[in-house]
PDB file of all heavy atoms in Angstrom:
ATOM      1  N   GLN A   1     -25.100  -1.082 -32.444  1.00  0.00           N
ATOM      2  CA  GLN A   1     -24.487  -0.412 -33.606  1.00  0.00           C
ATOM      3  C   GLN A   1     -24.256   1.081 -33.237  1.00  0.00           C
ATOM      4  O   GLN A   1     -25.054   1.671 -32.580  1.00  0.00           O
ATOM      5  CB  GLN A   1     -25.421  -0.483 -34.819  1.00  0.00           C
ATOM      6  CG  GLN A   1     -25.715  -1.871 -35.242  1.00  0.00           C
ATOM      7  CD  GLN A   1     -26.875  -1.958 -36.181  1.00  0.00           C
ATOM      8  OE1 GLN A   1     -27.594  -0.947 -36.442  1.00  0.00           O
ATOM      9  NE2 GLN A   1     -27.138  -3.128 -36.708  1.00  0.00           N
ATOM     10  N   SER A   2     -23.083   1.575 -33.592  1.00  0.00           N
ATOM     11  CA  SER A   2     -22.811   3.012 -33.347  1.00  0.00           C
ATOM     12  C   SER A   2     -22.256   3.665 -34.527  1.00  0.00           C
ATOM     13  O   SER A   2     -21.794   3.070 -35.483  1.00  0.00           O
ATOM     14  CB  SER A   2     -21.840   3.082 -32.173  1.00  0.00           C
ATOM     15  OG  SER A   2     -20.604   2.510 -32.512  1.00  0.00           O
ATOM     16  N   ARG A   3     -22.397   5.043 -34.507  1.00  0.00           N
ATOM     17  CA  ARG A   3     -21.832   5.820 -35.596  1.00  0.00           C
ATOM     18  C   ARG A   3     -21.674   7.289 -35.145  1.00  0.00           C
ATOM     19  O   ARG A   3     -22.302   7.734 -34.198  1.00  0.00           O
ATOM     20  CB  ARG A   3     -22.690   5.769 -36.855  1.00  0.00           C
ATOM     21  CG  ARG A   3     -24.069   6.401 -36.605  1.00  0.00           C
ATOM     22  CD  ARG A   3     -24.199   7.699 -37.478  1.00  0.00           C
ATOM     23  NE  ARG A   3     -25.547   8.257 -37.337  1.00  0.00           N
ATOM     24  CZ  ARG A   3     -25.728   9.333 -36.683  1.00  0.00           C
ATOM     25  NH1 ARG A   3     -24.849   9.926 -35.990  1.00  0.00           N
ATOM     26  NH2 ARG A   3     -26.991   9.872 -36.597  1.00  0.00           N
ATOM     27  N   VAL A   4     -20.756   7.955 -35.763  1.00  0.00           N
ATOM     28  CA  VAL A   4     -20.592   9.426 -35.656  1.00  0.00           C
ATOM     29  C   VAL A   4     -20.798  10.013 -37.049  1.00  0.00           C
ATOM     30  O   VAL A   4     -20.244   9.489 -38.008  1.00  0.00           O
ATOM     31  CB  VAL A   4     -19.187   9.795 -35.077  1.00  0.00           C
ATOM     32  CG1 VAL A   4     -19.009  11.289 -35.083  1.00  0.00           C
ATOM     33  CG2 VAL A   4     -19.028   9.213 -33.683  1.00  0.00           C
ATOM     34  N   LYS A   5     -21.717  10.993 -37.112  1.00  0.00           N
ATOM     35  CA  LYS A   5     -22.035  11.568 -38.394  1.00  0.00           C
ATOM     36  C   LYS A   5     -20.795  12.098 -39.092  1.00  0.00           C
ATOM     37  O   LYS A   5     -19.890  12.643 -38.448  1.00  0.00           O
ATOM     38  CB  LYS A   5     -23.067  12.728 -38.135  1.00  0.00           C
ATOM     39  CG  LYS A   5     -23.732  13.271 -39.344  1.00  0.00           C
ATOM     40  CD  LYS A   5     -24.736  14.370 -39.008  1.00  0.00           C
ATOM     41  CE  LYS A   5     -26.063  13.899 -38.510  1.00  0.00           C
ATOM     42  NZ  LYS A   5     -26.913  13.188 -39.400  1.00  0.00           N
ATOM     43  N   SER A   6     -20.747  11.937 -40.369  1.00  0.00           N
ATOM     44  CA  SER A   6     -19.619  12.460 -41.155  1.00  0.00           C
ATOM     45  C   SER A   6     -19.505  13.929 -41.148  1.00  0.00           C
ATOM     46  O   SER A   6     -20.580  14.651 -40.926  1.00  0.00           O
ATOM     47  CB  SER A   6     -19.707  11.981 -42.615  1.00  0.00           C
ATOM     48  OG  SER A   6     -20.756  12.582 -43.261  1.00  0.00           O
ATOM     49  N   ASN A   7     -18.373  14.498 -41.480  1.00  0.00           N
ATOM     50  CA  ASN A   7     -18.220  15.933 -41.557  1.00  0.00           C
ATOM     51  C   ASN A   7     -19.162  16.533 -42.539  1.00  0.00           C
ATOM     52  O   ASN A   7     -19.825  17.541 -42.252  1.00  0.00           O
ATOM     53  CB  ASN A   7     -16.787  16.317 -41.966  1.00  0.00           C
ATOM     54  CG  ASN A   7     -15.702  15.780 -41.014  1.00  0.00           C
ATOM     55  OD1 ASN A   7     -16.034  15.120 -40.038  1.00  0.00           O
ATOM     56  ND2 ASN A   7     -14.506  16.026 -41.299  1.00  0.00           N
ATOM     57  N   ALA A   8     -19.298  15.933 -43.706  1.00  0.00           N
ATOM     58  CA  ALA A   8     -20.184  16.379 -44.773  1.00  0.00           C
ATOM     59  C   ALA A   8     -21.641  16.330 -44.315  1.00  0.00           C
ATOM     60  O   ALA A   8     -22.419  17.219 -44.572  1.00  0.00           O
ATOM     61  CB  ALA A   8     -19.979  15.585 -46.018  1.00  0.00           C
ATOM     62  N   GLY A   9     -21.978  15.265 -43.571  1.00  0.00           N
ATOM     63  CA  GLY A   9     -23.341  15.106 -43.033  1.00  0.00           C
ATOM     64  C   GLY A   9     -23.706  16.170 -42.055  1.00  0.00           C
ATOM     65  O   GLY A   9     -24.796  16.732 -42.045  1.00  0.00           O
ATOM     66  N   ILE A  10     -22.725  16.557 -41.217  1.00  0.00           N
ATOM     67  CA  ILE A  10     -22.969  17.623 -40.231  1.00  0.00           C
ATOM     68  C   ILE A  10     -23.134  18.929 -40.916  1.00  0.00           C
ATOM     69  O   ILE A  10     -24.094  19.694 -40.637  1.00  0.00           O
ATOM     70  CB  ILE A  10     -21.740  17.701 -39.253  1.00  0.00           C
ATOM     71  CG1 ILE A  10     -21.679  16.459 -38.352  1.00  0.00           C
ATOM     72  CG2 ILE A  10     -21.858  18.983 -38.381  1.00  0.00           C
ATOM     73  CD1 ILE A  10     -20.398  16.370 -37.574  1.00  0.00           C
ATOM     74  N   MET A  11     -22.277  19.191 -41.956  1.00  0.00           N
ATOM     75  CA  MET A  11     -22.416  20.446 -42.706  1.00  0.00           C
ATOM     76  C   MET A  11     -23.689  20.535 -43.462  1.00  0.00           C
ATOM     77  O   MET A  11     -24.382  21.587 -43.411  1.00  0.00           O
ATOM     78  CB  MET A  11     -21.217  20.593 -43.648  1.00  0.00           C
ATOM     79  CG  MET A  11     -21.134  21.927 -44.303  1.00  0.00           C
ATOM     80  SD  MET A  11     -19.613  22.039 -45.233  1.00  0.00           S
ATOM     81  CE  MET A  11     -19.639  23.758 -45.628  1.00  0.00           C
ATOM     82  N   ARG A  12     -24.120  19.479 -44.065  1.00  0.00           N
ATOM     83  CA  ARG A  12     -25.402  19.443 -44.835  1.00  0.00           C
ATOM     84  C   ARG A  12     -26.600  19.765 -43.822  1.00  0.00           C
ATOM     85  O   ARG A  12     -27.510  20.511 -44.201  1.00  0.00           O
ATOM     86  CB  ARG A  12     -25.665  18.109 -45.480  1.00  0.00           C
ATOM     87  CG  ARG A  12     -24.970  17.967 -46.795  1.00  0.00           C
ATOM     88  CD  ARG A  12     -25.475  16.741 -47.578  1.00  0.00           C
ATOM     89  NE  ARG A  12     -25.345  15.470 -46.829  1.00  0.00           N
ATOM     90  CZ  ARG A  12     -24.297  14.689 -46.766  1.00  0.00           C
ATOM     91  NH1 ARG A  12     -23.210  15.042 -47.460  1.00  0.00           N
ATOM     92  NH2 ARG A  12     -24.324  13.599 -46.109  1.00  0.00           N
ATOM     93  N   LYS A  13     -26.566  19.154 -42.643  1.00  0.00           N
ATOM     94  CA  LYS A  13     -27.685  19.341 -41.673  1.00  0.00           C
ATOM     95  C   LYS A  13     -27.674  20.836 -41.247  1.00  0.00           C
ATOM     96  O   LYS A  13     -28.743  21.385 -41.125  1.00  0.00           O
ATOM     97  CB  LYS A  13     -27.519  18.414 -40.498  1.00  0.00           C
ATOM     98  CG  LYS A  13     -28.763  18.419 -39.653  1.00  0.00           C
ATOM     99  CD  LYS A  13     -28.869  17.117 -38.848  1.00  0.00           C
ATOM    100  CE  LYS A  13     -30.260  16.956 -38.299  1.00  0.00           C
ATOM    101  NZ  LYS A  13     -30.411  15.693 -37.707  1.00  0.00           N
ATOM    102  N   LEU A  14     -26.518  21.372 -40.945  1.00  0.00           N
ATOM    103  CA  LEU A  14     -26.484  22.800 -40.540  1.00  0.00           C
ATOM    104  C   LEU A  14     -27.074  23.701 -41.658  1.00  0.00           C
ATOM    105  O   LEU A  14     -27.908  24.583 -41.353  1.00  0.00           O
ATOM    106  CB  LEU A  14     -25.089  23.224 -40.202  1.00  0.00           C
ATOM    107  CG  LEU A  14     -24.440  22.691 -38.948  1.00  0.00           C
ATOM    108  CD1 LEU A  14     -22.952  23.050 -38.859  1.00  0.00           C
ATOM    109  CD2 LEU A  14     -25.167  23.245 -37.661  1.00  0.00           C
ATOM    110  N   LYS A  15     -26.669  23.417 -42.830  1.00  0.00           N
ATOM    111  CA  LYS A  15     -27.153  24.240 -44.006  1.00  0.00           C
ATOM    112  C   LYS A  15     -28.670  24.091 -44.188  1.00  0.00           C
ATOM    113  O   LYS A  15     -29.394  25.037 -44.395  1.00  0.00           O
ATOM    114  CB  LYS A  15     -26.421  23.868 -45.279  1.00  0.00           C
ATOM    115  CG  LYS A  15     -24.996  24.436 -45.294  1.00  0.00           C
ATOM    116  CD  LYS A  15     -24.309  24.073 -46.640  1.00  0.00           C
ATOM    117  CE  LYS A  15     -22.957  24.727 -46.728  1.00  0.00           C
ATOM    118  NZ  LYS A  15     -22.297  24.358 -48.014  1.00  0.00           N
ATOM    119  N   ARG A  16     -29.138  22.815 -44.101  1.00  0.00           N
ATOM    120  CA  ARG A  16     -30.542  22.497 -44.314  1.00  0.00           C
ATOM    121  C   ARG A  16     -31.396  23.188 -43.272  1.00  0.00           C
ATOM    122  O   ARG A  16     -32.489  23.606 -43.546  1.00  0.00           O
ATOM    123  CB  ARG A  16     -30.770  20.991 -44.315  1.00  0.00           C
ATOM    124  CG  ARG A  16     -32.171  20.529 -44.627  1.00  0.00           C
ATOM    125  CD  ARG A  16     -32.294  19.011 -44.744  1.00  0.00           C
ATOM    126  NE  ARG A  16     -32.142  18.368 -43.474  1.00  0.00           N
ATOM    127  CZ  ARG A  16     -31.155  17.528 -43.198  1.00  0.00           C
ATOM    128  NH1 ARG A  16     -30.184  17.270 -44.078  1.00  0.00           N
ATOM    129  NH2 ARG A  16     -31.007  16.943 -42.007  1.00  0.00           N
ATOM    130  N   LYS A  17     -30.918  23.305 -42.066  1.00  0.00           N
ATOM    131  CA  LYS A  17     -31.610  23.943 -40.956  1.00  0.00           C
ATOM    132  C   LYS A  17     -31.365  25.445 -40.918  1.00  0.00           C
ATOM    133  O   LYS A  17     -31.934  26.152 -40.035  1.00  0.00           O
ATOM    134  CB  LYS A  17     -31.215  23.332 -39.615  1.00  0.00           C
ATOM    135  CG  LYS A  17     -31.672  21.950 -39.407  1.00  0.00           C
ATOM    136  CD  LYS A  17     -31.290  21.463 -38.025  1.00  0.00           C
ATOM    137  CE  LYS A  17     -32.114  20.269 -37.642  1.00  0.00           C
ATOM    138  NZ  LYS A  17     -32.304  20.142 -36.207  1.00  0.00           N
ATOM    139  N   GLY A  18     -30.550  25.958 -41.844  1.00  0.00           N
ATOM    140  CA  GLY A  18     -30.271  27.392 -41.883  1.00  0.00           C
ATOM    141  C   GLY A  18     -29.478  27.868 -40.685  1.00  0.00           C
ATOM    142  O   GLY A  18     -29.649  29.027 -40.260  1.00  0.00           O
ATOM    143  N   LEU A  19     -28.647  27.053 -40.131  1.00  0.00           N
ATOM    144  CA  LEU A  19     -27.868  27.322 -38.962  1.00  0.00           C
ATOM    145  C   LEU A  19     -26.471  27.788 -39.343  1.00  0.00           C
ATOM    146  O   LEU A  19     -25.908  27.381 -40.372  1.00  0.00           O
ATOM    147  CB  LEU A  19     -27.795  26.124 -38.027  1.00  0.00           C
ATOM    148  CG  LEU A  19     -29.101  25.653 -37.498  1.00  0.00           C
ATOM    149  CD1 LEU A  19     -29.028  24.298 -36.846  1.00  0.00           C
ATOM    150  CD2 LEU A  19     -29.684  26.669 -36.462  1.00  0.00           C
ATOM    151  N   PRO A  20     -25.804  28.592 -38.466  1.00  0.00           N
ATOM    152  CA  PRO A  20     -24.453  28.986 -38.758  1.00  0.00           C
ATOM    153  C   PRO A  20     -23.492  27.770 -38.738  1.00  0.00           C
ATOM    154  O   PRO A  20     -23.726  26.825 -38.008  1.00  0.00           O
ATOM    155  CB  PRO A  20     -24.082  29.945 -37.620  1.00  0.00           C
ATOM    156  CG  PRO A  20     -25.153  29.864 -36.619  1.00  0.00           C
ATOM    157  CD  PRO A  20     -26.322  29.147 -37.220  1.00  0.00           C
ATOM    158  N   LEU A  21     -22.493  27.859 -39.588  1.00  0.00           N
ATOM    159  CA  LEU A  21     -21.496  26.757 -39.696  1.00  0.00           C
ATOM    160  C   LEU A  21     -20.366  27.011 -38.722  1.00  0.00           C
ATOM    161  O   LEU A  21     -19.269  27.323 -39.074  1.00  0.00           O
ATOM    162  CB  LEU A  21     -20.952  26.680 -41.125  1.00  0.00           C
ATOM    163  CG  LEU A  21     -21.995  26.541 -42.263  1.00  0.00           C
ATOM    164  CD1 LEU A  21     -21.324  26.574 -43.640  1.00  0.00           C
ATOM    165  CD2 LEU A  21     -22.801  25.301 -42.087  1.00  0.00           C
ATOM    166  N   THR A  22     -20.740  26.764 -37.413  1.00  0.00           N
ATOM    167  CA  THR A  22     -19.741  26.977 -36.344  1.00  0.00           C
ATOM    168  C   THR A  22     -19.754  25.719 -35.454  1.00  0.00           C
ATOM    169  O   THR A  22     -20.758  25.021 -35.376  1.00  0.00           O
ATOM    170  CB  THR A  22     -20.078  28.266 -35.536  1.00  0.00           C
ATOM    171  OG1 THR A  22     -21.365  27.999 -34.866  1.00  0.00           O
ATOM    172  CG2 THR A  22     -20.117  29.486 -36.339  1.00  0.00           C
ATOM    173  N   LEU A  23     -18.698  25.644 -34.643  1.00  0.00           N
ATOM    174  CA  LEU A  23     -18.648  24.525 -33.720  1.00  0.00           C
ATOM    175  C   LEU A  23     -19.725  24.718 -32.612  1.00  0.00           C
ATOM    176  O   LEU A  23     -20.340  23.722 -32.230  1.00  0.00           O
ATOM    177  CB  LEU A  23     -17.228  24.515 -33.021  1.00  0.00           C
ATOM    178  CG  LEU A  23     -16.045  24.248 -33.928  1.00  0.00           C
ATOM    179  CD1 LEU A  23     -14.737  24.433 -33.190  1.00  0.00           C
ATOM    180  CD2 LEU A  23     -16.167  22.863 -34.584  1.00  0.00           C
ATOM    181  N   GLU A  24     -19.960  25.926 -32.189  1.00  0.00           N
ATOM    182  CA  GLU A  24     -21.019  26.165 -31.179  1.00  0.00           C
ATOM    183  C   GLU A  24     -22.343  25.716 -31.750  1.00  0.00           C
ATOM    184  O   GLU A  24     -23.187  25.180 -31.024  1.00  0.00           O
ATOM    185  CB  GLU A  24     -21.016  27.659 -30.837  1.00  0.00           C
ATOM    186  CG  GLU A  24     -22.038  27.990 -29.743  1.00  0.00           C
ATOM    187  CD  GLU A  24     -22.032  29.437 -29.347  1.00  0.00           C
ATOM    188  OE1 GLU A  24     -21.220  30.233 -29.893  1.00  0.00           O
ATOM    189  OE2 GLU A  24     -22.867  29.804 -28.496  1.00  0.00           O
ATOM    190  N   SER A  25     -22.583  26.022 -33.008  1.00  0.00           N
ATOM    191  CA  SER A  25     -23.890  25.617 -33.624  1.00  0.00           C
ATOM    192  C   SER A  25     -24.068  24.119 -33.655  1.00  0.00           C
ATOM    193  O   SER A  25     -25.139  23.592 -33.472  1.00  0.00           O
ATOM    194  CB  SER A  25     -23.939  26.199 -35.013  1.00  0.00           C
ATOM    195  OG  SER A  25     -25.252  25.921 -35.584  1.00  0.00           O
ATOM    196  N   ILE A  26     -23.005  23.422 -33.897  1.00  0.00           N
ATOM    197  CA  ILE A  26     -23.005  21.957 -33.892  1.00  0.00           C
ATOM    198  C   ILE A  26     -23.444  21.482 -32.536  1.00  0.00           C
ATOM    199  O   ILE A  26     -24.354  20.706 -32.382  1.00  0.00           O
ATOM    200  CB  ILE A  26     -21.687  21.383 -34.350  1.00  0.00           C
ATOM    201  CG1 ILE A  26     -21.372  21.632 -35.762  1.00  0.00           C
ATOM    202  CG2 ILE A  26     -21.655  19.827 -34.115  1.00  0.00           C
ATOM    203  CD1 ILE A  26     -19.898  21.346 -36.164  1.00  0.00           C
ATOM    204  N   GLU A  27     -22.724  21.947 -31.510  1.00  0.00           N
ATOM    205  CA  GLU A  27     -22.948  21.520 -30.148  1.00  0.00           C
ATOM    206  C   GLU A  27     -24.397  21.848 -29.626  1.00  0.00           C
ATOM    207  O   GLU A  27     -25.004  21.061 -28.958  1.00  0.00           O
ATOM    208  CB  GLU A  27     -21.973  22.150 -29.194  1.00  0.00           C
ATOM    209  CG  GLU A  27     -20.537  21.577 -29.351  1.00  0.00           C
ATOM    210  CD  GLU A  27     -19.570  22.260 -28.392  1.00  0.00           C
ATOM    211  OE1 GLU A  27     -19.058  23.307 -28.712  1.00  0.00           O
ATOM    212  OE2 GLU A  27     -19.353  21.645 -27.293  1.00  0.00           O
ATOM    213  N   LYS A  28     -24.882  22.971 -30.020  1.00  0.00           N
ATOM    214  CA  LYS A  28     -26.191  23.438 -29.482  1.00  0.00           C
ATOM    215  C   LYS A  28     -27.345  22.912 -30.299  1.00  0.00           C
ATOM    216  O   LYS A  28     -28.523  22.814 -29.829  1.00  0.00           O
ATOM    217  CB  LYS A  28     -26.279  24.930 -29.439  1.00  0.00           C
ATOM    218  CG  LYS A  28     -25.388  25.529 -28.345  1.00  0.00           C
ATOM    219  CD  LYS A  28     -25.540  27.051 -28.222  1.00  0.00           C
ATOM    220  CE  LYS A  28     -24.803  27.545 -27.035  1.00  0.00           C
ATOM    221  NZ  LYS A  28     -24.944  29.017 -26.889  1.00  0.00           N
ATOM    222  N   ASN A  29     -27.203  22.612 -31.587  1.00  0.00           N
ATOM    223  CA  ASN A  29     -28.371  22.332 -32.422  1.00  0.00           C
ATOM    224  C   ASN A  29     -28.393  21.020 -33.120  1.00  0.00           C
ATOM    225  O   ASN A  29     -29.465  20.582 -33.584  1.00  0.00           O
ATOM    226  CB  ASN A  29     -28.384  23.449 -33.612  1.00  0.00           C
ATOM    227  CG  ASN A  29     -28.481  24.803 -33.052  1.00  0.00           C
ATOM    228  OD1 ASN A  29     -29.476  25.179 -32.437  1.00  0.00           O
ATOM    229  ND2 ASN A  29     -27.428  25.611 -33.272  1.00  0.00           N
ATOM    230  N   ILE A  30     -27.273  20.317 -33.219  1.00  0.00           N
ATOM    231  CA  ILE A  30     -27.309  18.963 -33.931  1.00  0.00           C
ATOM    232  C   ILE A  30     -27.291  17.936 -32.873  1.00  0.00           C
ATOM    233  O   ILE A  30     -26.234  17.652 -32.251  1.00  0.00           O
ATOM    234  CB  ILE A  30     -26.153  18.847 -34.892  1.00  0.00           C
ATOM    235  CG1 ILE A  30     -26.072  20.101 -35.853  1.00  0.00           C
ATOM    236  CG2 ILE A  30     -26.220  17.546 -35.697  1.00  0.00           C
ATOM    237  CD1 ILE A  30     -27.290  20.249 -36.778  1.00  0.00           C
ATOM    238  N   TRP A  31     -28.400  17.271 -32.642  1.00  0.00           N
ATOM    239  CA  TRP A  31     -28.590  16.270 -31.578  1.00  0.00           C
ATOM    240  C   TRP A  31     -28.184  14.911 -31.998  1.00  0.00           C
ATOM    241  O   TRP A  31     -28.127  13.956 -31.162  1.00  0.00           O
ATOM    242  CB  TRP A  31     -30.046  16.281 -31.095  1.00  0.00           C
ATOM    243  CG  TRP A  31     -30.396  17.538 -30.374  1.00  0.00           C
ATOM    244  CD1 TRP A  31     -30.807  18.706 -30.978  1.00  0.00           C
ATOM    245  CD2 TRP A  31     -30.254  17.814 -28.996  1.00  0.00           C
ATOM    246  NE1 TRP A  31     -31.016  19.623 -29.979  1.00  0.00           N
ATOM    247  CE2 TRP A  31     -30.672  19.117 -28.759  1.00  0.00           C
ATOM    248  CE3 TRP A  31     -29.858  17.040 -27.941  1.00  0.00           C
ATOM    249  CZ2 TRP A  31     -30.651  19.714 -27.493  1.00  0.00           C
ATOM    250  CZ3 TRP A  31     -29.893  17.588 -26.703  1.00  0.00           C
ATOM    251  CH2 TRP A  31     -30.253  18.906 -26.476  1.00  0.00           C
ATOM    252  N   ASP A  32     -27.894  14.646 -33.273  1.00  0.00           N
ATOM    253  CA  ASP A  32     -27.614  13.308 -33.732  1.00  0.00           C
ATOM    254  C   ASP A  32     -26.217  13.195 -34.353  1.00  0.00           C
ATOM    255  O   ASP A  32     -25.997  12.377 -35.232  1.00  0.00           O
ATOM    256  CB  ASP A  32     -28.644  12.810 -34.765  1.00  0.00           C
ATOM    257  CG  ASP A  32     -28.718  13.601 -36.017  1.00  0.00           C
ATOM    258  OD1 ASP A  32     -28.154  14.734 -36.017  1.00  0.00           O
ATOM    259  OD2 ASP A  32     -29.247  13.119 -37.009  1.00  0.00           O
ATOM    260  N   VAL A  33     -25.260  13.967 -33.815  1.00  0.00           N
ATOM    261  CA  VAL A  33     -23.915  13.867 -34.293  1.00  0.00           C
ATOM    262  C   VAL A  33     -23.388  12.445 -34.059  1.00  0.00           C
ATOM    263  O   VAL A  33     -22.786  11.832 -34.886  1.00  0.00           O
ATOM    264  CB  VAL A  33     -22.944  14.908 -33.618  1.00  0.00           C
ATOM    265  CG1 VAL A  33     -21.479  14.612 -34.016  1.00  0.00           C
ATOM    266  CG2 VAL A  33     -23.372  16.305 -34.042  1.00  0.00           C
ATOM    267  N   ALA A  34     -23.706  11.888 -32.894  1.00  0.00           N
ATOM    268  CA  ALA A  34     -23.306  10.543 -32.518  1.00  0.00           C
ATOM    269  C   ALA A  34     -24.555   9.807 -32.152  1.00  0.00           C
ATOM    270  O   ALA A  34     -25.566  10.384 -31.687  1.00  0.00           O
ATOM    271  CB  ALA A  34     -22.340  10.615 -31.374  1.00  0.00           C
ATOM    272  N   GLY A  35     -24.534   8.489 -32.414  1.00  0.00           N
ATOM    273  CA  GLY A  35     -25.727   7.730 -32.062  1.00  0.00           C
ATOM    274  C   GLY A  35     -25.380   6.240 -31.903  1.00  0.00           C
ATOM    275  O   GLY A  35     -24.381   5.721 -32.339  1.00  0.00           O
ATOM    276  N   LEU A  36     -26.240   5.648 -31.066  1.00  0.00           N
ATOM    277  CA  LEU A  36     -26.156   4.164 -30.835  1.00  0.00           C
ATOM    278  C   LEU A  36     -27.548   3.561 -31.072  1.00  0.00           C
ATOM    279  O   LEU A  36     -28.584   4.164 -30.746  1.00  0.00           O
ATOM    280  CB  LEU A  36     -25.773   3.882 -29.352  1.00  0.00           C
ATOM    281  CG  LEU A  36     -24.303   4.144 -29.082  1.00  0.00           C
ATOM    282  CD1 LEU A  36     -24.204   5.176 -27.974  1.00  0.00           C
ATOM    283  CD2 LEU A  36     -23.637   2.900 -28.611  1.00  0.00           C
ATOM    284  N   ARG A  37     -27.531   2.450 -31.693  1.00  0.00           N
ATOM    285  CA  ARG A  37     -28.778   1.648 -31.875  1.00  0.00           C
ATOM    286  C   ARG A  37     -28.600   0.334 -31.093  1.00  0.00           C
ATOM    287  O   ARG A  37     -27.690  -0.406 -31.371  1.00  0.00           O
ATOM    288  CB  ARG A  37     -29.041   1.373 -33.334  1.00  0.00           C
ATOM    289  CG  ARG A  37     -30.213   0.471 -33.545  1.00  0.00           C
ATOM    290  CD  ARG A  37     -30.576   0.278 -35.016  1.00  0.00           C
ATOM    291  NE  ARG A  37     -31.087   1.542 -35.489  1.00  0.00           N
ATOM    292  CZ  ARG A  37     -31.328   1.826 -36.726  1.00  0.00           C
ATOM    293  NH1 ARG A  37     -30.959   0.914 -37.670  1.00  0.00           N
ATOM    294  NH2 ARG A  37     -31.857   2.960 -37.095  1.00  0.00           N
ATOM    295  N   VAL A  38     -29.433   0.145 -30.109  1.00  0.00           N
ATOM    296  CA  VAL A  38     -29.375  -1.048 -29.298  1.00  0.00           C
ATOM    297  C   VAL A  38     -30.527  -1.979 -29.759  1.00  0.00           C
ATOM    298  O   VAL A  38     -31.690  -1.594 -29.702  1.00  0.00           O
ATOM    299  CB  VAL A  38     -29.491  -0.676 -27.806  1.00  0.00           C
ATOM    300  CG1 VAL A  38     -29.467  -2.003 -27.011  1.00  0.00           C
ATOM    301  CG2 VAL A  38     -28.419   0.269 -27.401  1.00  0.00           C
ATOM    302  N   ILE A  39     -30.223  -3.154 -30.213  1.00  0.00           N
ATOM    303  CA  ILE A  39     -31.194  -4.102 -30.707  1.00  0.00           C
ATOM    304  C   ILE A  39     -31.468  -5.141 -29.586  1.00  0.00           C
ATOM    305  O   ILE A  39     -30.634  -5.782 -29.093  1.00  0.00           O
ATOM    306  CB  ILE A  39     -30.703  -4.856 -31.983  1.00  0.00           C
ATOM    307  CG1 ILE A  39     -30.150  -3.860 -33.028  1.00  0.00           C
ATOM    308  CG2 ILE A  39     -31.797  -5.739 -32.529  1.00  0.00           C
ATOM    309  CD1 ILE A  39     -31.163  -2.943 -33.604  1.00  0.00           C
ATOM    310  N   CYS A  40     -32.731  -5.239 -29.235  1.00  0.00           N
ATOM    311  CA  CYS A  40     -33.214  -6.222 -28.254  1.00  0.00           C
ATOM    312  C   CYS A  40     -34.216  -7.139 -28.949  1.00  0.00           C
ATOM    313  O   CYS A  40     -34.970  -6.722 -29.842  1.00  0.00           O
ATOM    314  CB  CYS A  40     -33.897  -5.508 -27.124  1.00  0.00           C
ATOM    315  SG  CYS A  40     -32.833  -4.404 -26.171  1.00  0.00           S
ATOM    316  N   ALA A  41     -34.265  -8.435 -28.480  1.00  0.00           N
ATOM    317  CA  ALA A  41     -35.192  -9.378 -29.098  1.00  0.00           C
ATOM    318  C   ALA A  41     -36.663  -9.124 -28.687  1.00  0.00           C
ATOM    319  O   ALA A  41     -37.528  -9.422 -29.411  1.00  0.00           O
ATOM    320  CB  ALA A  41     -34.727 -10.791 -28.750  1.00  0.00           C
ATOM    321  N   PHE A  42     -36.809  -8.623 -27.457  1.00  0.00           N
ATOM    322  CA  PHE A  42     -38.146  -8.496 -26.923  1.00  0.00           C
ATOM    323  C   PHE A  42     -38.397  -7.010 -26.465  1.00  0.00           C
ATOM    324  O   PHE A  42     -37.513  -6.458 -25.894  1.00  0.00           O
ATOM    325  CB  PHE A  42     -38.376  -9.445 -25.736  1.00  0.00           C
ATOM    326  CG  PHE A  42     -38.104 -10.871 -26.121  1.00  0.00           C
ATOM    327  CD1 PHE A  42     -36.874 -11.472 -25.686  1.00  0.00           C
ATOM    328  CD2 PHE A  42     -38.984 -11.602 -26.843  1.00  0.00           C
ATOM    329  CE1 PHE A  42     -36.603 -12.794 -26.014  1.00  0.00           C
ATOM    330  CE2 PHE A  42     -38.736 -12.887 -27.197  1.00  0.00           C
ATOM    331  CZ  PHE A  42     -37.512 -13.544 -26.753  1.00  0.00           C
ATOM    332  N   PRO A  43     -39.583  -6.500 -26.697  1.00  0.00           N
ATOM    333  CA  PRO A  43     -39.876  -5.150 -26.271  1.00  0.00           C
ATOM    334  C   PRO A  43     -39.643  -4.930 -24.829  1.00  0.00           C
ATOM    335  O   PRO A  43     -39.097  -3.855 -24.431  1.00  0.00           O
ATOM    336  CB  PRO A  43     -41.408  -4.978 -26.576  1.00  0.00           C
ATOM    337  CG  PRO A  43     -41.628  -5.950 -27.702  1.00  0.00           C
ATOM    338  CD  PRO A  43     -40.698  -7.136 -27.419  1.00  0.00           C
ATOM    339  N   GLU A  44     -39.923  -5.865 -23.908  1.00  0.00           N
ATOM    340  CA  GLU A  44     -39.722  -5.644 -22.525  1.00  0.00           C
ATOM    341  C   GLU A  44     -38.218  -5.528 -22.205  1.00  0.00           C
ATOM    342  O   GLU A  44     -37.843  -4.827 -21.221  1.00  0.00           O
ATOM    343  CB  GLU A  44     -40.349  -6.802 -21.671  1.00  0.00           C
ATOM    344  CG  GLU A  44     -39.791  -8.194 -21.966  1.00  0.00           C
ATOM    345  CD  GLU A  44     -40.614  -8.935 -23.058  1.00  0.00           C
ATOM    346  OE1 GLU A  44     -41.417  -8.362 -23.768  1.00  0.00           O
ATOM    347  OE2 GLU A  44     -40.364 -10.171 -23.121  1.00  0.00           O
TER     348      GLU A  44
END
C-alpha cells in the first residue's frame, strides 16, 4: 500500500511542529510525506 500525504496534511504537520511553511522545511523536516506499507504473512 502506498500514499503521498495530502497538501493539507503537510501544512497541518508543519504548523503543528511550529515549522516554517516552505518547500525547504518540507524536505528537511517532514519524513512521512510519502510512505509504503509492505504486508508480509510471516515475520521472517
